[in-house]
Amino acid sequence: MRKLPTWKELTLAGIITEAGNSVEYKTGNWRTLTPVVNYDECIKCGVCWSFCPEYAWEEGEDSFFKLNTDYCKGCGICAVECPRKCIKMVEL
């Protein structure tokens, strides 16, 4: 059986840049679904923001959370976790 290398033994590959630069890489253009919020039902709880693995939700001046489509990958976690079920995933 072949032994896989540990992470320390792996050869360097990919692009290494400054730490904290992920904001420079807009990844939302590969999604096929997008969340749509019914703001009449939204209670501004921020659950969409707290569960989003990409932090694609941003709190607006009106305290509603708005989607930043530059980073949303369309995973749908926000729609699943929304306690009011006011977020629906729709095809683009």
PDB file of N, CA and C in Angstrom:
ATOM      1  N   MET A   1       0.846  -1.183   0.000  1.00  0.00           N
ATOM      2  CA  MET A   1       0.000   0.000   0.000  1.00  0.00           C
ATOM      3  C   MET A   1       0.891   1.246   0.000  1.00  0.00           C
ATOM      4  N   ARG A   2       0.546   2.188  -0.854  1.00  0.00           N
ATOM      5  CA  ARG A   2       1.334   3.414  -0.986  1.00  0.00           C
ATOM      6  C   ARG A   2       1.069   4.361   0.185  1.00  0.00           C
ATOM      7  N   LYS A   3       2.113   4.915   0.764  1.00  0.00           N
ATOM      8  CA  LYS A   3       1.973   5.857   1.868  1.00  0.00           C
ATOM      9  C   LYS A   3       1.851   7.277   1.298  1.00  0.00           C
ATOM     10  N   LEU A   4       0.819   7.973   1.705  1.00  0.00           N
ATOM     11  CA  LEU A   4       0.635   9.357   1.267  1.00  0.00           C
ATOM     12  C   LEU A   4       1.528  10.281   2.077  1.00  0.00           C
ATOM     13  N   PRO A   5       2.026  11.340   1.456  1.00  0.00           N
ATOM     14  CA  PRO A   5       2.880  12.273   2.204  1.00  0.00           C
ATOM     15  C   PRO A   5       2.075  13.070   3.223  1.00  0.00           C
ATOM     16  N   THR A   6       2.730  13.510   4.263  1.00  0.00           N
ATOM     17  CA  THR A   6       2.079  14.407   5.220  1.00  0.00           C
ATOM     18  C   THR A   6       2.001  15.787   4.593  1.00  0.00           C
ATOM     19  N   TRP A   7       1.271  16.690   5.195  1.00  0.00           N
ATOM     20  CA  TRP A   7       1.126  18.031   4.623  1.00  0.00           C
ATOM     21  C   TRP A   7       2.463  18.757   4.573  1.00  0.00           C
ATOM     22  N   LYS A   8       3.361  18.433   5.504  1.00  0.00           N
ATOM     23  CA  LYS A   8       4.678  19.073   5.513  1.00  0.00           C
ATOM     24  C   LYS A   8       5.568  18.568   4.379  1.00  0.00           C
ATOM     25  N   GLU A   9       5.281  17.377   3.882  1.00  0.00           N
ATOM     26  CA  GLU A   9       6.078  16.789   2.816  1.00  0.00           C
ATOM     27  C   GLU A   9       5.592  17.156   1.414  1.00  0.00           C
ATOM     28  N   LEU A  10       4.439  17.773   1.311  1.00  0.00           N
ATOM     29  CA  LEU A  10       3.892  18.129   0.003  1.00  0.00           C
ATOM     30  C   LEU A  10       4.748  19.191  -0.664  1.00  0.00           C
ATOM     31  N   THR A  11       4.849  19.105  -1.962  1.00  0.00           N
ATOM     32  CA  THR A  11       5.578  20.131  -2.702  1.00  0.00           C
ATOM     33  C   THR A  11       4.686  21.358  -2.850  1.00  0.00           C
ATOM     34  N   LEU A  12       5.318  22.502  -2.926  1.00  0.00           N
ATOM     35  CA  LEU A  12       4.593  23.753  -3.044  1.00  0.00           C
ATOM     36  C   LEU A  12       3.921  23.836  -4.415  1.00  0.00           C
ATOM     37  N   ALA A  13       2.652  24.165  -4.409  1.00  0.00           N
ATOM     38  CA  ALA A  13       1.912  24.322  -5.661  1.00  0.00           C
ATOM     39  C   ALA A  13       0.891  25.433  -5.477  1.00  0.00           C
ATOM     40  N   GLY A  14       0.436  25.981  -6.558  1.00  0.00           N
ATOM     41  CA  GLY A  14      -0.576  27.025  -6.491  1.00  0.00           C
ATOM     42  C   GLY A  14       0.050  28.398  -6.357  1.00  0.00           C
ATOM     43  N   ILE A  15      -0.789  29.332  -6.032  1.00  0.00           N
ATOM     44  CA  ILE A  15      -0.353  30.718  -5.909  1.00  0.00           C
ATOM     45  C   ILE A  15      -0.389  31.108  -4.438  1.00  0.00           C
ATOM     46  N   ILE A  16       0.701  31.507  -3.909  1.00  0.00           N
ATOM     47  CA  ILE A  16       0.767  31.948  -2.522  1.00  0.00           C
ATOM     48  C   ILE A  16       0.906  33.469  -2.533  1.00  0.00           C
ATOM     49  N   THR A  17       0.014  34.127  -1.845  1.00  0.00           N
ATOM     50  CA  THR A  17       0.055  35.585  -1.774  1.00  0.00           C
ATOM     51  C   THR A  17      -0.082  36.006  -0.327  1.00  0.00           C
ATOM     52  N   GLU A  18      -0.310  37.249  -0.103  1.00  0.00           N
ATOM     53  CA  GLU A  18      -0.435  37.780   1.253  1.00  0.00           C
ATOM     54  C   GLU A  18      -1.608  37.150   2.006  1.00  0.00           C
ATOM     55  N   ALA A  19      -1.448  36.947   3.297  1.00  0.00           N
ATOM     56  CA  ALA A  19      -2.534  36.438   4.129  1.00  0.00           C
ATOM     57  C   ALA A  19      -3.672  37.447   4.165  1.00  0.00           C
ATOM     58  N   GLY A  20      -4.896  36.948   4.218  1.00  0.00           N
ATOM     59  CA  GLY A  20      -6.063  37.815   4.306  1.00  0.00           C
ATOM     60  C   GLY A  20      -6.458  38.462   2.990  1.00  0.00           C
ATOM     61  N   ASN A  21      -6.041  37.899   1.880  1.00  0.00           N
ATOM     62  CA  ASN A  21      -6.329  38.516   0.589  1.00  0.00           C
ATOM     63  C   ASN A  21      -7.536  37.904  -0.110  1.00  0.00           C
ATOM     64  N   SER A  22      -8.281  37.055   0.547  1.00  0.00           N
ATOM     65  CA  SER A  22      -9.393  36.373  -0.122  1.00  0.00           C
ATOM     66  C   SER A  22     -10.449  37.341  -0.636  1.00  0.00           C
ATOM     67  N   VAL A  23     -10.522  38.535  -0.077  1.00  0.00           N
ATOM     68  CA  VAL A  23     -11.485  39.522  -0.544  1.00  0.00           C
ATOM     69  C   VAL A  23     -11.190  39.925  -1.991  1.00  0.00           C
ATOM     70  N   GLU A  24      -9.952  39.724  -2.422  1.00  0.00           N
ATOM     71  CA  GLU A  24      -9.573  40.067  -3.792  1.00  0.00           C
ATOM     72  C   GLU A  24     -10.109  39.075  -4.818  1.00  0.00           C
ATOM     73  N   TYR A  25     -10.491  37.877  -4.378  1.00  0.00           N
ATOM     74  CA  TYR A  25     -10.914  36.828  -5.297  1.00  0.00           C
ATOM     75  C   TYR A  25     -12.435  36.687  -5.257  1.00  0.00           C
ATOM     76  N   LYS A  26     -13.071  37.241  -6.251  1.00  0.00           N
ATOM     77  CA  LYS A  26     -14.530  37.189  -6.323  1.00  0.00           C
ATOM     78  C   LYS A  26     -14.933  35.822  -6.867  1.00  0.00           C
ATOM     79  N   THR A  27     -15.674  35.074  -6.057  1.00  0.00           N
ATOM     80  CA  THR A  27     -15.981  33.681  -6.377  1.00  0.00           C
ATOM     81  C   THR A  27     -17.465  33.425  -6.611  1.00  0.00           C
ATOM     82  N   GLY A  28     -18.271  34.452  -6.604  1.00  0.00           N
ATOM     83  CA  GLY A  28     -19.712  34.263  -6.732  1.00  0.00           C
ATOM     84  C   GLY A  28     -20.204  33.958  -8.126  1.00  0.00           C
ATOM     85  N   ASN A  29     -19.358  34.077  -9.125  1.00  0.00           N
ATOM     86  CA  ASN A  29     -19.838  33.900 -10.484  1.00  0.00           C
ATOM     87  C   ASN A  29     -20.012  32.447 -10.902  1.00  0.00           C
ATOM     88  N   TRP A  30     -19.688  31.485 -10.048  1.00  0.00           N
ATOM     89  CA  TRP A  30     -19.878  30.094 -10.437  1.00  0.00           C
ATOM     90  C   TRP A  30     -21.166  29.489  -9.869  1.00  0.00           C
ATOM     91  N   ARG A  31     -21.948  30.282  -9.140  1.00  0.00           N
ATOM     92  CA  ARG A  31     -23.161  29.721  -8.554  1.00  0.00           C
ATOM     93  C   ARG A  31     -24.255  29.562  -9.608  1.00  0.00           C
ATOM     94  N   THR A  32     -25.133  28.607  -9.373  1.00  0.00           N
ATOM     95  CA  THR A  32     -26.290  28.404 -10.252  1.00  0.00           C
ATOM     96  C   THR A  32     -27.585  28.774  -9.541  1.00  0.00           C
ATOM     97  N   LEU A  33     -27.510  28.890  -8.226  1.00  0.00           N
ATOM     98  CA  LEU A  33     -28.652  29.319  -7.414  1.00  0.00           C
ATOM     99  C   LEU A  33     -28.248  30.570  -6.650  1.00  0.00           C
ATOM    100  N   THR A  34     -29.237  31.376  -6.334  1.00  0.00           N
ATOM    101  CA  THR A  34     -28.956  32.571  -5.539  1.00  0.00           C
ATOM    102  C   THR A  34     -30.069  32.750  -4.501  1.00  0.00           C
ATOM    103  N   PRO A  35     -29.731  33.223  -3.307  1.00  0.00           N
ATOM    104  CA  PRO A  35     -30.753  33.468  -2.291  1.00  0.00           C
ATOM    105  C   PRO A  35     -31.520  34.757  -2.588  1.00  0.00           C
ATOM    106  N   VAL A  36     -32.818  34.665  -2.412  1.00  0.00           N
ATOM    107  CA  VAL A  36     -33.688  35.832  -2.547  1.00  0.00           C
ATOM    108  C   VAL A  36     -34.440  35.982  -1.230  1.00  0.00           C
ATOM    109  N   VAL A  37     -34.388  37.178  -0.661  1.00  0.00           N
ATOM    110  CA  VAL A  37     -34.970  37.422   0.664  1.00  0.00           C
ATOM    111  C   VAL A  37     -36.302  38.141   0.540  1.00  0.00           C
ATOM    112  N   ASN A  38     -37.294  37.661   1.286  1.00  0.00           N
ATOM    113  CA  ASN A  38     -38.556  38.372   1.444  1.00  0.00           C
ATOM    114  C   ASN A  38     -38.365  39.267   2.675  1.00  0.00           C
ATOM    115  N   TYR A  39     -38.005  40.519   2.444  1.00  0.00           N
ATOM    116  CA  TYR A  39     -37.696  41.419   3.556  1.00  0.00           C
ATOM    117  C   TYR A  39     -38.926  41.797   4.371  1.00  0.00           C
ATOM    118  N   ASP A  40     -40.129  41.539   3.862  1.00  0.00           N
ATOM    119  CA  ASP A  40     -41.337  41.767   4.660  1.00  0.00           C
ATOM    120  C   ASP A  40     -41.431  40.762   5.804  1.00  0.00           C
ATOM    121  N   GLU A  41     -40.819  39.596   5.622  1.00  0.00           N
ATOM    122  CA  GLU A  41     -40.836  38.549   6.650  1.00  0.00           C
ATOM    123  C   GLU A  41     -39.569  38.530   7.509  1.00  0.00           C
ATOM    124  N   CYS A  42     -38.506  39.176   7.042  1.00  0.00           N
ATOM    125  CA  CYS A  42     -37.212  39.149   7.726  1.00  0.00           C
ATOM    126  C   CYS A  42     -37.279  39.883   9.068  1.00  0.00           C
ATOM    127  N   ILE A  43     -36.665  39.282  10.093  1.00  0.00           N
ATOM    128  CA  ILE A  43     -36.646  39.902  11.428  1.00  0.00           C
ATOM    129  C   ILE A  43     -35.262  40.445  11.793  1.00  0.00           C
ATOM    130  N   LYS A  44     -34.354  40.506  10.816  1.00  0.00           N
ATOM    131  CA  LYS A  44     -33.015  41.076  11.000  1.00  0.00           C
ATOM    132  C   LYS A  44     -32.198  40.337  12.063  1.00  0.00           C
ATOM    133  N   CYS A  45     -32.363  39.029  12.145  1.00  0.00           N
ATOM    134  CA  CYS A  45     -31.694  38.255  13.189  1.00  0.00           C
ATOM    135  C   CYS A  45     -30.217  37.994  12.893  1.00  0.00           C
ATOM    136  N   GLY A  46     -29.840  38.023  11.616  1.00  0.00           N
ATOM    137  CA  GLY A  46     -28.448  37.807  11.251  1.00  0.00           C
ATOM    138  C   GLY A  46     -28.034  36.348  11.160  1.00  0.00           C
ATOM    139  N   VAL A  47     -28.982  35.429  11.220  1.00  0.00           N
ATOM    140  CA  VAL A  47     -28.635  34.007  11.106  1.00  0.00           C
ATOM    141  C   VAL A  47     -28.033  33.727   9.729  1.00  0.00           C
ATOM    142  N   CYS A  48     -28.536  34.374   8.696  1.00  0.00           N
ATOM    143  CA  CYS A  48     -27.969  34.197   7.348  1.00  0.00           C
ATOM    144  C   CYS A  48     -26.487  34.565   7.336  1.00  0.00           C
ATOM    145  N   TRP A  49     -26.160  35.659   7.977  1.00  0.00           N
ATOM    146  CA  TRP A  49     -24.769  36.110   8.057  1.00  0.00           C
ATOM    147  C   TRP A  49     -23.915  35.144   8.871  1.00  0.00           C
ATOM    148  N   SER A  50     -24.441  34.705  10.016  1.00  0.00           N
ATOM    149  CA  SER A  50     -23.622  33.890  10.919  1.00  0.00           C
ATOM    150  C   SER A  50     -23.360  32.481  10.386  1.00  0.00           C
ATOM    151  N   PHE A  51     -24.243  31.941   9.559  1.00  0.00           N
ATOM    152  CA  PHE A  51     -24.041  30.598   9.024  1.00  0.00           C
ATOM    153  C   PHE A  51     -23.359  30.587   7.665  1.00  0.00           C
ATOM    154  N   CYS A  52     -23.254  31.725   7.017  1.00  0.00           N
ATOM    155  CA  CYS A  52     -22.673  31.773   5.675  1.00  0.00           C
ATOM    156  C   CYS A  52     -21.182  31.456   5.725  1.00  0.00           C
ATOM    157  N   PRO A  53     -20.744  30.403   5.025  1.00  0.00           N
ATOM    158  CA  PRO A  53     -19.324  30.062   5.061  1.00  0.00           C
ATOM    159  C   PRO A  53     -18.438  31.064   4.327  1.00  0.00           C
ATOM    160  N   GLU A  54     -19.024  31.914   3.509  1.00  0.00           N
ATOM    161  CA  GLU A  54     -18.253  32.895   2.741  1.00  0.00           C
ATOM    162  C   GLU A  54     -18.425  34.321   3.257  1.00  0.00           C
ATOM    163  N   TYR A  55     -19.223  34.512   4.291  1.00  0.00           N
ATOM    164  CA  TYR A  55     -19.557  35.847   4.788  1.00  0.00           C
ATOM    165  C   TYR A  55     -20.006  36.753   3.642  1.00  0.00           C
ATOM    166  N   ALA A  56     -20.911  36.221   2.825  1.00  0.00           N
ATOM    167  CA  ALA A  56     -21.417  36.963   1.677  1.00  0.00           C
ATOM    168  C   ALA A  56     -22.551  37.912   2.061  1.00  0.00           C
ATOM    169  N   TRP A  57     -22.974  37.864   3.306  1.00  0.00           N
ATOM    170  CA  TRP A  57     -24.026  38.766   3.780  1.00  0.00           C
ATOM    171  C   TRP A  57     -23.395  39.941   4.488  1.00  0.00           C
ATOM    172  N   GLU A  58     -23.912  41.130   4.225  1.00  0.00           N
ATOM    173  CA  GLU A  58     -23.407  42.350   4.852  1.00  0.00           C
ATOM    174  C   GLU A  58     -24.579  43.108   5.465  1.00  0.00           C
ATOM    175  N   GLU A  59     -24.382  43.595   6.677  1.00  0.00           N
ATOM    176  CA  GLU A  59     -25.443  44.344   7.342  1.00  0.00           C
ATOM    177  C   GLU A  59     -25.527  45.744   6.751  1.00  0.00           C
ATOM    178  N   GLY A  60     -26.737  46.111   6.326  1.00  0.00           N
ATOM    179  CA  GLY A  60     -26.947  47.430   5.747  1.00  0.00           C
ATOM    180  C   GLY A  60     -27.282  48.460   6.811  1.00  0.00           C
ATOM    181  N   GLU A  61     -27.396  49.700   6.395  1.00  0.00           N
ATOM    182  CA  GLU A  61     -27.726  50.786   7.329  1.00  0.00           C
ATOM    183  C   GLU A  61     -29.097  50.598   7.958  1.00  0.00           C
ATOM    184  N   ASP A  62     -29.985  49.880   7.269  1.00  0.00           N
ATOM    185  CA  ASP A  62     -31.330  49.627   7.789  1.00  0.00           C
ATOM    186  C   ASP A  62     -31.381  48.372   8.666  1.00  0.00           C
ATOM    187  N   SER A  63     -30.208  47.786   8.978  1.00  0.00           N
ATOM    188  CA  SER A  63     -30.040  46.581   9.801  1.00  0.00           C
ATOM    189  C   SER A  63     -30.481  45.300   9.101  1.00  0.00           C
ATOM    190  N   PHE A  64     -30.954  45.377   7.863  1.00  0.00           N
ATOM    191  CA  PHE A  64     -31.220  44.173   7.086  1.00  0.00           C
ATOM    192  C   PHE A  64     -29.888  43.682   6.524  1.00  0.00           C
ATOM    193  N   PHE A  65     -29.771  42.375   6.367  1.00  0.00           N
ATOM    194  CA  PHE A  65     -28.576  41.807   5.781  1.00  0.00           C
ATOM    195  C   PHE A  65     -28.787  41.668   4.285  1.00  0.00           C
ATOM    196  N   LYS A  66     -27.850  42.197   3.526  1.00  0.00           N
ATOM    197  CA  LYS A  66     -27.918  42.188   2.062  1.00  0.00           C
ATOM    198  C   LYS A  66     -26.849  41.241   1.533  1.00  0.00           C
ATOM    199  N   LEU A  67     -27.154  40.590   0.426  1.00  0.00           N
ATOM    200  CA  LEU A  67     -26.245  39.637  -0.172  1.00  0.00           C
ATOM    201  C   LEU A  67     -25.210  40.337  -1.042  1.00  0.00           C
ATOM    202  N   ASN A  68     -23.956  39.996  -0.839  1.00  0.00           N
ATOM    203  CA  ASN A  68     -22.887  40.466  -1.708  1.00  0.00           C
ATOM    204  C   ASN A  68     -22.651  39.354  -2.725  1.00  0.00           C
ATOM    205  N   THR A  69     -23.168  39.530  -3.933  1.00  0.00           N
ATOM    206  CA  THR A  69     -23.122  38.482  -4.945  1.00  0.00           C
ATOM    207  C   THR A  69     -21.710  38.208  -5.471  1.00  0.00           C
ATOM    208  N   ASP A  70     -20.758  39.060  -5.137  1.00  0.00           N
ATOM    209  CA  ASP A  70     -19.376  38.800  -5.542  1.00  0.00           C
ATOM    210  C   ASP A  70     -18.814  37.556  -4.854  1.00  0.00           C
ATOM    211  N   TYR A  71     -19.367  37.195  -3.700  1.00  0.00           N
ATOM    212  CA  TYR A  71     -18.797  36.110  -2.906  1.00  0.00           C
ATOM    213  C   TYR A  71     -19.749  34.948  -2.646  1.00  0.00           C
ATOM    214  N   CYS A  72     -21.044  35.121  -2.849  1.00  0.00           N
ATOM    215  CA  CYS A  72     -22.015  34.045  -2.608  1.00  0.00           C
ATOM    216  C   CYS A  72     -21.801  32.928  -3.622  1.00  0.00           C
ATOM    217  N   LYS A  73     -21.678  31.704  -3.131  1.00  0.00           N
ATOM    218  CA  LYS A  73     -21.494  30.546  -4.013  1.00  0.00           C
ATOM    219  C   LYS A  73     -22.798  29.777  -4.214  1.00  0.00           C
ATOM    220  N   GLY A  74     -23.891  30.247  -3.619  1.00  0.00           N
ATOM    221  CA  GLY A  74     -25.188  29.612  -3.831  1.00  0.00           C
ATOM    222  C   GLY A  74     -25.375  28.300  -3.105  1.00  0.00           C
ATOM    223  N   CYS A  75     -24.714  28.124  -1.975  1.00  0.00           N
ATOM    224  CA  CYS A  75     -24.791  26.853  -1.247  1.00  0.00           C
ATOM    225  C   CYS A  75     -26.154  26.616  -0.600  1.00  0.00           C
ATOM    226  N   GLY A  76     -26.867  27.685  -0.260  1.00  0.00           N
ATOM    227  CA  GLY A  76     -28.206  27.553   0.313  1.00  0.00           C
ATOM    228  C   GLY A  76     -28.255  27.364   1.814  1.00  0.00           C
ATOM    229  N   ILE A  77     -27.129  27.417   2.486  1.00  0.00           N
ATOM    230  CA  ILE A  77     -27.125  27.253   3.942  1.00  0.00           C
ATOM    231  C   ILE A  77     -27.970  28.342   4.600  1.00  0.00           C
ATOM    232  N   CYS A  78     -27.896  29.552   4.092  1.00  0.00           N
ATOM    233  CA  CYS A  78     -28.683  30.650   4.664  1.00  0.00           C
ATOM    234  C   CYS A  78     -30.179  30.350   4.610  1.00  0.00           C
ATOM    235  N   ALA A  79     -30.636  29.790   3.496  1.00  0.00           N
ATOM    236  CA  ALA A  79     -32.057  29.474   3.340  1.00  0.00           C
ATOM    237  C   ALA A  79     -32.486  28.361   4.290  1.00  0.00           C
ATOM    238  N   VAL A  80     -31.619  27.383   4.485  1.00  0.00           N
ATOM    239  CA  VAL A  80     -31.921  26.275   5.392  1.00  0.00           C
ATOM    240  C   VAL A  80     -31.989  26.759   6.837  1.00  0.00           C
ATOM    241  N   GLU A  81     -31.069  27.626   7.219  1.00  0.00           N
ATOM    242  CA  GLU A  81     -30.952  28.055   8.612  1.00  0.00           C
ATOM    243  C   GLU A  81     -31.872  29.210   8.994  1.00  0.00           C
ATOM    244  N   CYS A  82     -32.408  29.930   8.029  1.00  0.00           N
ATOM    245  CA  CYS A  82     -33.267  31.085   8.332  1.00  0.00           C
ATOM    246  C   CYS A  82     -34.461  30.653   9.181  1.00  0.00           C
ATOM    247  N   PRO A  83     -34.612  31.193  10.390  1.00  0.00           N
ATOM    248  CA  PRO A  83     -35.706  30.759  11.260  1.00  0.00           C
ATOM    249  C   PRO A  83     -37.085  31.153  10.737  1.00  0.00           C
ATOM    250  N   ARG A  84     -37.169  32.193   9.942  1.00  0.00           N
ATOM    251  CA  ARG A  84     -38.453  32.632   9.378  1.00  0.00           C
ATOM    252  C   ARG A  84     -38.725  32.050   7.993  1.00  0.00           C
ATOM    253  N   LYS A  85     -37.746  31.346   7.441  1.00  0.00           N
ATOM    254  CA  LYS A  85     -37.844  30.763   6.100  1.00  0.00           C
ATOM    255  C   LYS A  85     -38.200  31.816   5.058  1.00  0.00           C
ATOM    256  N   CYS A  86     -37.607  32.998   5.221  1.00  0.00           N
ATOM    257  CA  CYS A  86     -37.862  34.091   4.281  1.00  0.00           C
ATOM    258  C   CYS A  86     -36.807  34.179   3.200  1.00  0.00           C
ATOM    259  N   ILE A  87     -35.873  33.228   3.167  1.00  0.00           N
ATOM    260  CA  ILE A  87     -34.867  33.171   2.123  1.00  0.00           C
ATOM    261  C   ILE A  87     -35.168  31.949   1.260  1.00  0.00           C
ATOM    262  N   LYS A  88     -35.321  32.167  -0.018  1.00  0.00           N
ATOM    263  CA  LYS A  88     -35.567  31.102  -0.984  1.00  0.00           C
ATOM    264  C   LYS A  88     -34.432  31.073  -1.990  1.00  0.00           C
ATOM    265  N   MET A  89     -34.010  29.882  -2.365  1.00  0.00           N
ATOM    266  CA  MET A  89     -32.983  29.722  -3.383  1.00  0.00           C
ATOM    267  C   MET A  89     -33.664  29.642  -4.744  1.00  0.00           C
ATOM    268  N   VAL A  90     -33.219  30.468  -5.674  1.00  0.00           N
ATOM    269  CA  VAL A  90     -33.797  30.471  -7.019  1.00  0.00           C
ATOM    270  C   VAL A  90     -32.680  30.296  -8.040  1.00  0.00           C
ATOM    271  N   GLU A  91     -33.047  29.711  -9.188  1.00  0.00           N
ATOM    272  CA  GLU A  91     -32.068  29.538 -10.256  1.00  0.00           C
ATOM    273  C   GLU A  91     -31.766  30.888 -10.878  1.00  0.00           C
ATOM    274  N   LEU A  92     -30.520  31.050 -11.291  1.00  0.00           N
ATOM    275  CA  LEU A  92     -30.115  32.277 -11.974  1.00  0.00           C
ATOM    276  C   LEU A  92     -30.612  32.266 -13.390  1.00  0.00           C
TER     277      LEU A  92
END
